[in-house]
Amino acid sequence: MAERTLGPVTQNTVLRPRVVMMCGPGGAGKTTYAKRLEREGWTRLSFEVEFWDRGITTMPSADVVAEVAVDLKARLLRQVAAGSDVVLDFGFWFRRQRDEYRAVLAPQGIVPETAYLATSLVTILSRVGDRHGRSADDWPLTEQSATEYFERFEPPTSDEGPLEVVRWAR
């Protein structure tokens, strides 16, 4: 398991597309990391961006989440088929979610990497007040919700596959 502070993102040295699954509770810094990859040419897929593009600015129903998940999986498969590196700017809070995406990518011969943003609850709570819901990447989060998400989160383990633990350097 690699562990480092947020720094330069490694370049793709393999011939097949790379997929990185951002992993961490709300407010951990996943989108900041994913946007760095996006600036380097990766395709970023995000539930929040997809919700926003559909005019959904509050927590959607389970049916809408399921519909968006189907659409995002299809886009993911199209992107890797086209040879694009993809960052999944999701939460991947539970191992079953991470396993589900590994299974989706396995037939393409792609083993996704997990970037786990190991961020303390104190740091997360210091960030949530800065969210005002003005854009897809500014999804509001209360301290109570952030705490509940943090407590329910299942950290990834090295037995799941390639894992990088990222700790924010302040």
C-alpha atoms as a PDB file:
ATOM      1  CA  MET A   1       0.000   0.000   0.000  1.00  0.00           C
ATOM      2  CA  ALA A   2       1.498   3.327  -1.054  1.00  0.00           C
ATOM      3  CA  GLU A   3       1.080   6.241   1.301  1.00  0.00           C
ATOM      4  CA  ARG A   4       2.051   9.798   0.543  1.00  0.00           C
ATOM      5  CA  THR A   5       1.017  13.362   0.983  1.00  0.00           C
ATOM      6  CA  LEU A   6      -0.811  15.074  -1.842  1.00  0.00           C
ATOM      7  CA  GLY A   7       1.805  15.688  -4.499  1.00  0.00           C
ATOM      8  CA  PRO A   8       2.457  15.027  -8.183  1.00  0.00           C
ATOM      9  CA  VAL A   9       0.190  12.461  -9.779  1.00  0.00           C
ATOM     10  CA  THR A  10       2.081   9.632 -11.443  1.00  0.00           C
ATOM     11  CA  GLN A  11       2.045   9.376 -15.210  1.00  0.00           C
ATOM     12  CA  ASN A  12       0.489   6.454 -17.065  1.00  0.00           C
ATOM     13  CA  THR A  13       3.290   4.049 -17.937  1.00  0.00           C
ATOM     14  CA  VAL A  14       1.011   1.189 -18.989  1.00  0.00           C
ATOM     15  CA  LEU A  15      -0.565   0.752 -22.394  1.00  0.00           C
ATOM     16  CA  ARG A  16      -4.148   0.339 -21.224  1.00  0.00           C
ATOM     17  CA  PRO A  17      -6.238   3.137 -19.753  1.00  0.00           C
ATOM     18  CA  ARG A  18      -6.002   3.731 -16.036  1.00  0.00           C
ATOM     19  CA  VAL A  19      -9.000   4.150 -13.763  1.00  0.00           C
ATOM     20  CA  VAL A  20      -8.713   5.733 -10.338  1.00  0.00           C
ATOM     21  CA  MET A  21     -11.528   5.392  -7.834  1.00  0.00           C
ATOM     22  CA  MET A  22     -11.525   8.331  -5.412  1.00  0.00           C
ATOM     23  CA  CYS A  23     -12.367   7.029  -1.968  1.00  0.00           C
ATOM     24  CA  GLY A  24     -13.188   8.903   1.218  1.00  0.00           C
ATOM     25  CA  PRO A  25     -16.025  10.402   3.211  1.00  0.00           C
ATOM     26  CA  GLY A  26     -17.664  13.703   2.249  1.00  0.00           C
ATOM     27  CA  GLY A  27     -15.266  16.622   2.652  1.00  0.00           C
ATOM     28  CA  ALA A  28     -12.112  14.474   2.480  1.00  0.00           C
ATOM     29  CA  GLY A  29     -10.732  16.237  -0.617  1.00  0.00           C
ATOM     30  CA  LYS A  30     -11.643  13.751  -3.332  1.00  0.00           C
ATOM     31  CA  THR A  31     -12.818  16.341  -5.835  1.00  0.00           C
ATOM     32  CA  THR A  32      -9.723  18.488  -5.357  1.00  0.00           C
ATOM     33  CA  TYR A  33      -7.544  15.459  -6.130  1.00  0.00           C
ATOM     34  CA  ALA A  34      -9.776  14.355  -9.033  1.00  0.00           C
ATOM     35  CA  LYS A  35      -9.697  17.825 -10.578  1.00  0.00           C
ATOM     36  CA  ARG A  36      -5.912  17.686 -10.542  1.00  0.00           C
ATOM     37  CA  LEU A  37      -6.090  14.533 -12.645  1.00  0.00           C
ATOM     38  CA  GLU A  38      -8.684  16.189 -14.890  1.00  0.00           C
ATOM     39  CA  ARG A  39      -6.312  19.114 -15.528  1.00  0.00           C
ATOM     40  CA  GLU A  40      -3.704  16.541 -16.564  1.00  0.00           C
ATOM     41  CA  GLY A  41      -6.044  15.148 -19.225  1.00  0.00           C
ATOM     42  CA  TRP A  42      -8.006  12.497 -17.364  1.00  0.00           C
ATOM     43  CA  THR A  43     -11.767  12.210 -17.817  1.00  0.00           C
ATOM     44  CA  ARG A  44     -13.530  12.928 -14.526  1.00  0.00           C
ATOM     45  CA  LEU A  45     -16.891  11.312 -13.856  1.00  0.00           C
ATOM     46  CA  SER A  46     -18.918  12.587 -10.916  1.00  0.00           C
ATOM     47  CA  PHE A  47     -22.371  11.886  -9.535  1.00  0.00           C
ATOM     48  CA  GLU A  48     -22.637  15.471  -8.286  1.00  0.00           C
ATOM     49  CA  VAL A  49     -21.780  16.932 -11.705  1.00  0.00           C
ATOM     50  CA  GLU A  50     -24.289  14.611 -13.337  1.00  0.00           C
ATOM     51  CA  PHE A  51     -26.981  15.594 -10.822  1.00  0.00           C
ATOM     52  CA  TRP A  52     -26.223  19.291 -11.342  1.00  0.00           C
ATOM     53  CA  ASP A  53     -26.359  18.894 -15.136  1.00  0.00           C
ATOM     54  CA  ARG A  54     -29.827  17.381 -14.715  1.00  0.00           C
ATOM     55  CA  GLY A  55     -30.971  20.308 -12.567  1.00  0.00           C
ATOM     56  CA  ILE A  56     -30.825  18.348  -9.302  1.00  0.00           C
ATOM     57  CA  THR A  57     -29.330  20.480  -6.544  1.00  0.00           C
ATOM     58  CA  THR A  58     -30.596  18.617  -3.471  1.00  0.00           C
ATOM     59  CA  MET A  59     -30.177  15.010  -2.388  1.00  0.00           C
ATOM     60  CA  PRO A  60     -31.825  12.925  -5.140  1.00  0.00           C
ATOM     61  CA  SER A  61     -34.071   9.924  -4.683  1.00  0.00           C
ATOM     62  CA  ALA A  62     -32.661   6.396  -4.748  1.00  0.00           C
ATOM     63  CA  ASP A  63     -34.242   5.878  -8.184  1.00  0.00           C
ATOM     64  CA  VAL A  64     -32.403   8.895  -9.615  1.00  0.00           C
ATOM     65  CA  VAL A  65     -29.119   7.749  -8.056  1.00  0.00           C
ATOM     66  CA  ALA A  66     -29.577   4.301  -9.616  1.00  0.00           C
ATOM     67  CA  GLU A  67     -30.356   5.830 -13.031  1.00  0.00           C
ATOM     68  CA  VAL A  68     -27.283   8.064 -12.867  1.00  0.00           C
ATOM     69  CA  ALA A  69     -25.134   5.085 -11.801  1.00  0.00           C
ATOM     70  CA  VAL A  70     -26.175   3.163 -14.922  1.00  0.00           C
ATOM     71  CA  ASP A  71     -25.359   6.183 -17.104  1.00  0.00           C
ATOM     72  CA  LEU A  72     -21.977   6.733 -15.443  1.00  0.00           C
ATOM     73  CA  LYS A  73     -20.981   3.072 -15.820  1.00  0.00           C
ATOM     74  CA  ALA A  74     -21.824   3.251 -19.522  1.00  0.00           C
ATOM     75  CA  ARG A  75     -19.774   6.443 -19.902  1.00  0.00           C
ATOM     76  CA  LEU A  76     -16.898   4.836 -18.008  1.00  0.00           C
ATOM     77  CA  LEU A  77     -16.862   1.867 -20.367  1.00  0.00           C
ATOM     78  CA  ARG A  78     -17.022   4.134 -23.439  1.00  0.00           C
ATOM     79  CA  GLN A  79     -14.122   6.228 -22.138  1.00  0.00           C
ATOM     80  CA  VAL A  80     -11.837   3.273 -21.414  1.00  0.00           C
ATOM     81  CA  ALA A  81     -12.757   1.703 -24.775  1.00  0.00           C
ATOM     82  CA  ALA A  82     -11.597   4.971 -26.371  1.00  0.00           C
ATOM     83  CA  GLY A  83      -8.302   4.731 -24.449  1.00  0.00           C
ATOM     84  CA  SER A  84      -8.980   7.506 -21.933  1.00  0.00           C
ATOM     85  CA  ASP A  85      -7.725   7.511 -18.357  1.00  0.00           C
ATOM     86  CA  VAL A  86     -10.710   8.024 -16.035  1.00  0.00           C
ATOM     87  CA  VAL A  87     -11.014   9.276 -12.479  1.00  0.00           C
ATOM     88  CA  LEU A  88     -14.223   8.296 -10.697  1.00  0.00           C
ATOM     89  CA  ASP A  89     -14.941  11.231  -8.398  1.00  0.00           C
ATOM     90  CA  PHE A  90     -17.360   9.246  -6.240  1.00  0.00           C
ATOM     91  CA  GLY A  91     -17.176   8.465  -2.533  1.00  0.00           C
ATOM     92  CA  PHE A  92     -16.803   4.696  -2.739  1.00  0.00           C
ATOM     93  CA  TRP A  93     -17.722   4.644   0.942  1.00  0.00           C
ATOM     94  CA  PHE A  94     -18.339   0.915   1.049  1.00  0.00           C
ATOM     95  CA  ARG A  95     -16.256  -1.996  -0.176  1.00  0.00           C
ATOM     96  CA  ARG A  96     -19.237  -3.445  -2.057  1.00  0.00           C
ATOM     97  CA  GLN A  97     -19.318  -0.284  -4.214  1.00  0.00           C
ATOM     98  CA  ARG A  98     -15.607  -0.565  -4.961  1.00  0.00           C
ATOM     99  CA  ASP A  99     -16.010  -4.267  -5.783  1.00  0.00           C
ATOM    100  CA  GLU A 100     -18.916  -3.474  -8.104  1.00  0.00           C
ATOM    101  CA  TYR A 101     -16.770  -1.131 -10.223  1.00  0.00           C
ATOM    102  CA  ARG A 102     -13.870  -3.602 -10.220  1.00  0.00           C
ATOM    103  CA  ALA A 103     -16.281  -6.178 -11.662  1.00  0.00           C
ATOM    104  CA  VAL A 104     -17.472  -3.713 -14.329  1.00  0.00           C
ATOM    105  CA  LEU A 105     -13.877  -3.068 -15.435  1.00  0.00           C
ATOM    106  CA  ALA A 106     -12.512  -6.634 -15.193  1.00  0.00           C
ATOM    107  CA  PRO A 107     -13.755  -7.749 -18.648  1.00  0.00           C
ATOM    108  CA  GLN A 108     -11.749  -4.866 -20.162  1.00  0.00           C
ATOM    109  CA  GLY A 109      -8.601  -6.087 -18.393  1.00  0.00           C
ATOM    110  CA  ILE A 110      -8.500  -2.989 -16.214  1.00  0.00           C
ATOM    111  CA  VAL A 111      -7.701  -3.159 -12.519  1.00  0.00           C
ATOM    112  CA  PRO A 112      -8.724   0.186 -11.038  1.00  0.00           C
ATOM    113  CA  GLU A 113      -6.529   1.931  -8.520  1.00  0.00           C
ATOM    114  CA  THR A 114      -8.061   3.264  -5.308  1.00  0.00           C
ATOM    115  CA  ALA A 115      -6.937   6.678  -4.068  1.00  0.00           C
ATOM    116  CA  TYR A 116      -8.029   6.841  -0.435  1.00  0.00           C
ATOM    117  CA  LEU A 117      -8.095  10.366   0.979  1.00  0.00           C
ATOM    118  CA  ALA A 118      -7.308   9.648   4.632  1.00  0.00           C
ATOM    119  CA  THR A 119      -8.592  12.882   6.128  1.00  0.00           C
ATOM    120  CA  SER A 120      -9.392  13.433   9.788  1.00  0.00           C
ATOM    121  CA  LEU A 121     -12.895  14.326  10.923  1.00  0.00           C
ATOM    122  CA  VAL A 122     -11.513  17.592  12.343  1.00  0.00           C
ATOM    123  CA  THR A 123     -10.218  18.585   8.894  1.00  0.00           C
ATOM    124  CA  ILE A 124     -13.448  17.522   7.205  1.00  0.00           C
ATOM    125  CA  LEU A 125     -15.551  19.558   9.630  1.00  0.00           C
ATOM    126  CA  SER A 126     -13.342  22.599   9.033  1.00  0.00           C
ATOM    127  CA  ARG A 127     -14.172  22.355   5.308  1.00  0.00           C
ATOM    128  CA  VAL A 128     -17.922  21.781   5.274  1.00  0.00           C
ATOM    129  CA  GLY A 129     -18.744  25.350   6.242  1.00  0.00           C
ATOM    130  CA  ASP A 130     -17.157  26.510   2.986  1.00  0.00           C
ATOM    131  CA  ARG A 131     -19.722  24.639   0.893  1.00  0.00           C
ATOM    132  CA  HIS A 132     -22.590  26.800  -0.297  1.00  0.00           C
ATOM    133  CA  GLY A 133     -24.207  24.814  -3.121  1.00  0.00           C
ATOM    134  CA  ARG A 134     -23.283  27.242  -5.900  1.00  0.00           C
ATOM    135  CA  SER A 135     -21.972  24.527  -8.232  1.00  0.00           C
ATOM    136  CA  ALA A 136     -21.835  20.758  -8.606  1.00  0.00           C
ATOM    137  CA  ASP A 137     -18.482  20.626  -6.830  1.00  0.00           C
ATOM    138  CA  ASP A 138     -19.772  22.782  -3.962  1.00  0.00           C
ATOM    139  CA  TRP A 139     -22.447  20.353  -2.743  1.00  0.00           C
ATOM    140  CA  PRO A 140     -23.611  21.551   0.707  1.00  0.00           C
ATOM    141  CA  LEU A 141     -22.845  19.309   3.651  1.00  0.00           C
ATOM    142  CA  THR A 142     -23.825  19.900   7.268  1.00  0.00           C
ATOM    143  CA  GLU A 143     -21.497  19.073  10.148  1.00  0.00           C
ATOM    144  CA  GLN A 144     -23.985  16.447  11.310  1.00  0.00           C
ATOM    145  CA  SER A 145     -24.115  14.778   7.879  1.00  0.00           C
ATOM    146  CA  ALA A 146     -20.328  14.934   7.510  1.00  0.00           C
ATOM    147  CA  THR A 147     -19.909  13.273  10.906  1.00  0.00           C
ATOM    148  CA  GLU A 148     -22.441  10.556  10.059  1.00  0.00           C
ATOM    149  CA  TYR A 149     -20.729   9.892   6.701  1.00  0.00           C
ATOM    150  CA  PHE A 150     -17.335   9.714   8.400  1.00  0.00           C
ATOM    151  CA  GLU A 151     -18.619   7.201  10.960  1.00  0.00           C
ATOM    152  CA  ARG A 152     -20.243   4.955   8.306  1.00  0.00           C
ATOM    153  CA  PHE A 153     -17.274   5.031   5.912  1.00  0.00           C
ATOM    154  CA  GLU A 154     -15.441   1.720   5.282  1.00  0.00           C
ATOM    155  CA  PRO A 155     -11.760   2.474   4.574  1.00  0.00           C
ATOM    156  CA  PRO A 156     -10.249   0.409   1.759  1.00  0.00           C
ATOM    157  CA  THR A 157      -7.639  -2.219   2.503  1.00  0.00           C
ATOM    158  CA  SER A 158      -4.665  -3.427   0.499  1.00  0.00           C
ATOM    159  CA  ASP A 159      -6.353  -6.794  -0.155  1.00  0.00           C
ATOM    160  CA  GLU A 160      -8.801  -4.967  -2.467  1.00  0.00           C
ATOM    161  CA  GLY A 161      -6.121  -4.233  -5.067  1.00  0.00           C
ATOM    162  CA  PRO A 162      -3.909  -1.256  -5.915  1.00  0.00           C
ATOM    163  CA  LEU A 163      -4.288   1.295  -3.125  1.00  0.00           C
ATOM    164  CA  GLU A 164      -2.738   4.672  -2.542  1.00  0.00           C
ATOM    165  CA  VAL A 165      -3.374   6.408   0.752  1.00  0.00           C
ATOM    166  CA  VAL A 166      -3.209  10.175   0.370  1.00  0.00           C
ATOM    167  CA  ARG A 167      -2.841  12.425   3.369  1.00  0.00           C
ATOM    168  CA  TRP A 168      -3.199  16.147   2.903  1.00  0.00           C
ATOM    169  CA  ALA A 169      -0.080  18.139   3.676  1.00  0.00           C
ATOM    170  CA  ARG A 170      -0.979  21.459   5.216  1.00  0.00           C
END
